[in-house]
N, C-alpha and C. Protein backbone atom coordinates (compact mmCIF):
# COMPACT_ATOMS: atom_id res chain seq x y z
N UNK A 1 107.04 116.65 98.37
CA UNK A 1 106.20 115.69 97.71
C UNK A 1 106.18 114.35 98.45
N UNK A 2 107.34 113.94 98.97
CA UNK A 2 107.43 112.68 99.70
C UNK A 2 106.57 112.72 100.96
N UNK A 3 106.58 113.84 101.65
CA UNK A 3 105.79 113.99 102.87
C UNK A 3 104.30 113.95 102.54
N UNK A 4 103.90 114.65 101.51
CA UNK A 4 102.50 114.66 101.10
C UNK A 4 102.03 113.26 100.72
N UNK A 5 102.83 112.55 99.95
CA UNK A 5 102.48 111.18 99.55
C UNK A 5 102.35 110.29 100.77
N UNK A 6 103.28 110.41 101.70
CA UNK A 6 103.21 109.61 102.92
C UNK A 6 101.96 109.90 103.72
N UNK A 7 101.65 111.17 103.88
CA UNK A 7 100.45 111.51 104.67
C UNK A 7 99.18 111.03 103.98
N UNK A 8 99.12 111.15 102.67
CA UNK A 8 97.94 110.69 101.93
C UNK A 8 97.73 109.19 102.11
N UNK A 9 98.85 108.43 102.11
CA UNK A 9 98.76 106.97 102.32
C UNK A 9 98.13 106.65 103.67
N UNK A 10 98.36 107.50 104.65
CA UNK A 10 97.75 107.30 105.97
C UNK A 10 96.32 107.83 106.01
N UNK A 11 96.12 109.06 105.60
CA UNK A 11 94.86 109.77 105.85
C UNK A 11 93.70 109.28 104.99
N UNK A 12 93.91 109.08 103.70
CA UNK A 12 92.77 108.72 102.85
C UNK A 12 92.18 107.35 103.17
N UNK A 13 92.99 106.30 103.26
CA UNK A 13 92.39 105.01 103.62
C UNK A 13 91.78 105.02 105.04
N UNK A 14 92.40 105.75 105.95
CA UNK A 14 91.85 105.83 107.31
C UNK A 14 90.49 106.53 107.29
N UNK A 15 90.38 107.61 106.54
CA UNK A 15 89.11 108.33 106.45
C UNK A 15 88.05 107.48 105.74
N UNK A 16 88.47 106.65 104.81
CA UNK A 16 87.53 105.80 104.08
C UNK A 16 86.90 104.75 104.98
N UNK A 17 87.55 104.42 106.07
CA UNK A 17 87.03 103.38 106.97
C UNK A 17 85.78 103.85 107.70
N UNK A 18 85.68 105.11 108.03
CA UNK A 18 84.61 105.57 108.91
C UNK A 18 83.24 105.72 108.29
N UNK A 19 83.09 105.77 106.97
CA UNK A 19 81.73 105.74 106.43
C UNK A 19 81.04 104.37 106.58
N UNK A 20 81.79 103.36 106.99
CA UNK A 20 81.19 102.04 107.18
C UNK A 20 80.11 102.11 108.24
N UNK A 21 79.09 101.26 108.14
CA UNK A 21 78.03 101.27 109.15
C UNK A 21 78.61 101.09 110.55
N UNK A 22 78.12 101.84 111.49
CA UNK A 22 78.54 101.77 112.89
C UNK A 22 80.00 102.15 113.08
N UNK A 23 80.58 102.86 112.12
CA UNK A 23 82.00 103.17 112.21
C UNK A 23 82.26 104.66 112.38
N UNK A 24 81.33 105.38 112.95
CA UNK A 24 81.54 106.80 113.17
C UNK A 24 82.81 107.02 113.97
N UNK A 25 83.63 107.92 113.53
CA UNK A 25 84.95 108.11 114.12
C UNK A 25 84.89 108.40 115.61
N UNK A 26 83.89 109.14 116.06
CA UNK A 26 83.85 109.55 117.45
C UNK A 26 82.80 108.81 118.26
N UNK A 27 82.21 107.79 117.66
CA UNK A 27 81.23 106.98 118.37
C UNK A 27 81.95 105.89 119.15
N UNK A 28 81.30 105.42 120.19
CA UNK A 28 81.83 104.28 120.93
C UNK A 28 81.73 103.07 120.01
N UNK A 29 82.81 102.29 119.93
CA UNK A 29 82.88 101.20 118.96
C UNK A 29 82.92 99.85 119.65
N UNK A 30 82.36 98.83 118.99
CA UNK A 30 82.53 97.47 119.50
C UNK A 30 84.01 97.09 119.48
N UNK A 31 84.41 96.26 120.41
CA UNK A 31 85.82 95.87 120.53
C UNK A 31 86.40 95.30 119.23
N UNK A 32 85.70 94.43 118.49
CA UNK A 32 86.30 93.91 117.26
C UNK A 32 86.61 95.02 116.25
N UNK A 33 85.71 96.00 116.13
CA UNK A 33 85.98 97.10 115.20
C UNK A 33 87.16 97.94 115.67
N UNK A 34 87.21 98.23 116.95
CA UNK A 34 88.32 99.02 117.49
C UNK A 34 89.64 98.31 117.26
N UNK A 35 89.66 97.00 117.46
CA UNK A 35 90.89 96.22 117.24
C UNK A 35 91.28 96.25 115.77
N UNK A 36 90.30 96.08 114.89
CA UNK A 36 90.58 96.14 113.46
C UNK A 36 91.10 97.52 113.08
N UNK A 37 90.44 98.55 113.58
CA UNK A 37 90.84 99.92 113.26
C UNK A 37 92.27 100.21 113.71
N UNK A 38 92.63 99.73 114.88
CA UNK A 38 93.99 99.96 115.38
C UNK A 38 95.02 99.23 114.51
N UNK A 39 94.73 98.00 114.12
CA UNK A 39 95.65 97.26 113.26
C UNK A 39 95.76 97.90 111.88
N UNK A 40 94.63 98.30 111.34
CA UNK A 40 94.57 98.95 110.03
C UNK A 40 95.35 100.26 110.07
N UNK A 41 95.13 101.06 111.09
CA UNK A 41 95.84 102.32 111.24
C UNK A 41 97.33 102.12 111.43
N UNK A 42 97.70 101.08 112.16
CA UNK A 42 99.13 100.80 112.39
C UNK A 42 99.83 100.46 111.08
N UNK A 43 99.20 99.63 110.26
CA UNK A 43 99.78 99.28 108.96
C UNK A 43 99.89 100.52 108.08
N UNK A 44 98.84 101.34 108.07
CA UNK A 44 98.86 102.56 107.26
C UNK A 44 99.95 103.52 107.74
N UNK A 45 100.12 103.63 109.04
CA UNK A 45 101.13 104.55 109.60
C UNK A 45 102.54 104.10 109.20
N UNK A 46 102.82 102.81 109.34
CA UNK A 46 104.15 102.31 108.93
C UNK A 46 104.35 102.55 107.45
N UNK A 47 103.32 102.27 106.64
CA UNK A 47 103.42 102.47 105.20
C UNK A 47 103.64 103.95 104.86
N UNK A 48 103.00 104.84 105.60
CA UNK A 48 103.15 106.28 105.35
C UNK A 48 104.59 106.73 105.58
N UNK A 49 105.17 106.34 106.70
CA UNK A 49 106.55 106.71 106.99
C UNK A 49 107.52 106.07 106.02
N UNK A 50 107.27 104.82 105.69
CA UNK A 50 108.12 104.10 104.74
C UNK A 50 108.10 104.78 103.37
N UNK A 51 106.91 105.11 102.89
CA UNK A 51 106.79 105.74 101.58
C UNK A 51 107.46 107.11 101.56
N UNK A 52 107.26 107.89 102.61
CA UNK A 52 107.90 109.21 102.66
C UNK A 52 109.42 109.06 102.61
N UNK A 53 109.95 108.09 103.35
CA UNK A 53 111.40 107.87 103.34
C UNK A 53 111.87 107.34 101.99
N UNK A 54 111.10 106.49 101.38
CA UNK A 54 111.45 105.93 100.07
C UNK A 54 111.52 107.01 99.00
N UNK A 55 110.54 107.89 99.00
CA UNK A 55 110.47 108.93 97.98
C UNK A 55 111.38 110.11 98.26
N UNK A 56 111.89 110.20 99.47
CA UNK A 56 112.63 111.38 99.89
C UNK A 56 113.91 111.61 99.10
N UNK A 57 114.59 110.57 98.75
CA UNK A 57 115.89 110.74 98.10
C UNK A 57 116.97 110.98 99.15
N UNK A 58 116.96 112.14 99.75
CA UNK A 58 117.92 112.45 100.82
C UNK A 58 117.16 112.63 102.12
N UNK A 59 117.84 112.36 103.21
CA UNK A 59 117.31 112.53 104.56
C UNK A 59 115.95 111.84 104.75
N UNK A 60 115.91 110.52 104.54
CA UNK A 60 114.64 109.80 104.62
C UNK A 60 113.98 109.89 106.00
N UNK A 61 114.78 109.85 107.06
CA UNK A 61 114.18 109.92 108.40
C UNK A 61 113.56 111.28 108.67
N UNK A 62 114.12 112.33 108.12
CA UNK A 62 113.54 113.66 108.30
C UNK A 62 112.16 113.72 107.66
N UNK A 63 112.00 113.11 106.51
CA UNK A 63 110.70 113.10 105.84
C UNK A 63 109.68 112.27 106.63
N UNK A 64 110.10 111.12 107.11
CA UNK A 64 109.21 110.30 107.93
C UNK A 64 108.85 111.03 109.22
N UNK A 65 109.79 111.75 109.79
CA UNK A 65 109.54 112.51 111.01
C UNK A 65 108.48 113.59 110.78
N UNK A 66 108.53 114.23 109.63
CA UNK A 66 107.54 115.26 109.32
C UNK A 66 106.15 114.63 109.17
N UNK A 67 106.08 113.48 108.50
CA UNK A 67 104.80 112.77 108.39
C UNK A 67 104.28 112.44 109.79
N UNK A 68 105.15 111.94 110.64
CA UNK A 68 104.79 111.61 112.02
C UNK A 68 104.25 112.84 112.76
N UNK A 69 104.92 113.97 112.58
CA UNK A 69 104.49 115.19 113.25
C UNK A 69 103.14 115.68 112.71
N UNK A 70 102.91 115.52 111.42
CA UNK A 70 101.62 115.92 110.84
C UNK A 70 100.50 115.04 111.40
N UNK A 71 100.74 113.73 111.43
CA UNK A 71 99.72 112.82 111.99
C UNK A 71 99.41 113.22 113.43
N UNK A 72 100.45 113.45 114.21
CA UNK A 72 100.25 113.84 115.61
C UNK A 72 99.58 115.19 115.75
N UNK A 73 99.97 116.17 114.93
CA UNK A 73 99.39 117.51 115.03
C UNK A 73 97.92 117.53 114.64
N UNK A 74 97.58 116.82 113.57
CA UNK A 74 96.17 116.75 113.16
C UNK A 74 95.34 116.07 114.24
N UNK A 75 95.86 115.00 114.80
CA UNK A 75 95.14 114.30 115.87
C UNK A 75 95.02 115.18 117.11
N UNK A 76 96.07 115.91 117.46
CA UNK A 76 96.00 116.80 118.62
C UNK A 76 94.99 117.92 118.40
N UNK A 77 94.98 118.50 117.22
CA UNK A 77 93.99 119.54 116.93
C UNK A 77 92.57 118.98 117.03
N UNK A 78 92.36 117.80 116.49
CA UNK A 78 91.04 117.17 116.59
C UNK A 78 90.68 116.86 118.04
N UNK A 79 91.66 116.43 118.81
CA UNK A 79 91.43 116.14 120.23
C UNK A 79 90.99 117.39 120.97
N UNK A 80 91.66 118.49 120.73
CA UNK A 80 91.32 119.75 121.41
C UNK A 80 89.90 120.19 121.01
N UNK A 81 89.58 120.07 119.74
CA UNK A 81 88.25 120.47 119.26
C UNK A 81 87.17 119.55 119.82
N UNK A 82 87.44 118.25 119.90
CA UNK A 82 86.43 117.25 120.29
C UNK A 82 86.33 117.03 121.79
N UNK A 83 87.29 117.49 122.55
CA UNK A 83 87.31 117.20 123.99
C UNK A 83 85.98 117.58 124.62
N UNK A 84 85.38 116.61 125.30
CA UNK A 84 84.09 116.82 125.94
C UNK A 84 82.90 116.61 125.03
N UNK A 85 83.14 116.22 123.78
CA UNK A 85 82.05 116.02 122.81
C UNK A 85 82.09 114.63 122.22
N UNK A 86 82.24 113.63 123.03
CA UNK A 86 82.25 112.26 122.53
C UNK A 86 83.59 111.59 122.73
N UNK A 87 83.68 110.43 122.18
CA UNK A 87 84.88 109.61 122.32
C UNK A 87 86.07 110.22 121.57
N UNK A 88 87.23 110.11 122.17
CA UNK A 88 88.45 110.64 121.54
C UNK A 88 89.47 109.51 121.33
N UNK A 89 88.99 108.28 121.24
CA UNK A 89 89.89 107.14 121.11
C UNK A 89 90.72 107.20 119.84
N UNK A 90 90.15 107.70 118.74
CA UNK A 90 90.92 107.75 117.50
C UNK A 90 92.06 108.76 117.59
N UNK A 91 91.81 109.88 118.22
CA UNK A 91 92.85 110.90 118.35
C UNK A 91 93.99 110.41 119.24
N UNK A 92 93.63 109.80 120.36
CA UNK A 92 94.66 109.29 121.28
C UNK A 92 95.48 108.19 120.63
N UNK A 93 94.80 107.33 119.87
CA UNK A 93 95.51 106.25 119.17
C UNK A 93 96.47 106.84 118.13
N UNK A 94 96.03 107.86 117.42
CA UNK A 94 96.90 108.48 116.42
C UNK A 94 98.13 109.12 117.05
N UNK A 95 97.92 109.80 118.18
CA UNK A 95 99.03 110.48 118.85
C UNK A 95 100.00 109.49 119.46
N UNK A 96 99.46 108.50 120.18
CA UNK A 96 100.31 107.60 120.96
C UNK A 96 100.85 106.40 120.18
N UNK A 97 100.16 106.01 119.12
CA UNK A 97 100.57 104.79 118.40
C UNK A 97 100.91 105.08 116.94
N UNK A 98 100.00 105.71 116.20
CA UNK A 98 100.20 105.85 114.76
C UNK A 98 101.33 106.80 114.41
N UNK A 99 101.44 107.92 115.09
CA UNK A 99 102.52 108.86 114.79
C UNK A 99 103.90 108.20 115.00
N UNK A 100 104.13 107.55 116.15
CA UNK A 100 105.43 106.87 116.30
C UNK A 100 105.65 105.75 115.29
N UNK A 101 104.59 105.04 114.92
CA UNK A 101 104.75 103.97 113.93
C UNK A 101 105.12 104.50 112.55
N UNK A 102 104.67 105.69 112.20
CA UNK A 102 105.07 106.25 110.91
C UNK A 102 106.57 106.55 110.92
N UNK A 103 107.08 106.98 112.04
CA UNK A 103 108.53 107.19 112.16
C UNK A 103 109.26 105.85 112.07
N UNK A 104 108.68 104.81 112.64
CA UNK A 104 109.27 103.47 112.54
C UNK A 104 109.32 103.00 111.09
N UNK A 105 108.29 103.33 110.30
CA UNK A 105 108.30 102.98 108.88
C UNK A 105 109.45 103.66 108.15
N UNK A 106 109.71 104.92 108.48
CA UNK A 106 110.85 105.62 107.89
C UNK A 106 112.17 105.03 108.31
N UNK A 107 112.25 104.63 109.57
CA UNK A 107 113.47 104.00 110.08
C UNK A 107 113.72 102.68 109.36
N UNK A 108 112.65 101.91 109.13
CA UNK A 108 112.78 100.64 108.42
C UNK A 108 113.34 100.87 107.02
N UNK A 109 112.81 101.85 106.31
CA UNK A 109 113.32 102.14 104.97
C UNK A 109 114.78 102.60 105.03
N UNK A 110 115.11 103.42 106.01
CA UNK A 110 116.48 103.89 106.17
C UNK A 110 117.43 102.71 106.42
N UNK A 111 117.02 101.76 107.23
CA UNK A 111 117.85 100.58 107.50
C UNK A 111 118.05 99.75 106.24
N UNK A 112 117.00 99.61 105.45
CA UNK A 112 117.12 98.87 104.19
C UNK A 112 118.12 99.54 103.26
N UNK A 113 118.05 100.86 103.18
CA UNK A 113 118.95 101.60 102.31
C UNK A 113 120.39 101.49 102.79
N UNK A 114 120.60 101.58 104.09
CA UNK A 114 121.96 101.44 104.64
C UNK A 114 122.51 100.04 104.36
N UNK A 115 121.68 99.02 104.51
CA UNK A 115 122.13 97.65 104.23
C UNK A 115 122.47 97.49 102.75
N UNK A 116 121.67 98.09 101.89
CA UNK A 116 121.93 98.02 100.44
C UNK A 116 123.28 98.68 100.12
N UNK A 117 123.55 99.81 100.74
CA UNK A 117 124.82 100.50 100.49
C UNK A 117 126.01 99.69 100.99
N UNK A 118 125.86 99.01 102.14
CA UNK A 118 126.94 98.19 102.66
C UNK A 118 127.24 97.01 101.75
N UNK A 119 126.19 96.49 101.12
CA UNK A 119 126.35 95.32 100.28
C UNK A 119 126.90 95.63 98.89
N UNK A 120 126.96 96.89 98.53
CA UNK A 120 127.46 97.23 97.19
C UNK A 120 128.90 97.65 97.22
């Protein structure tokens, strides 16, 4: 359940961005939109890993790692399907930036929990 919740936090808001005018996922994008999209995706990725780790109960990093692997696997599958059929900037960004950032979100939650335990 923690993994599903984490992935939904990443995937649904990210998918909601692309119905915006001129925001086709595989279209060439103006630099301001691409920059916004990367920042938006980065925040969502950290939140996804953090939420998965928070809800996990035990082994928070393992849950964040699974979310990270799902983000990367979905992006890789999309990359393979789309290769040669338009821009693949979103897939590459998800693989190279968003997947690792979701793991960082889980690590952040794990560090908070360890600090809380030390302080009690």
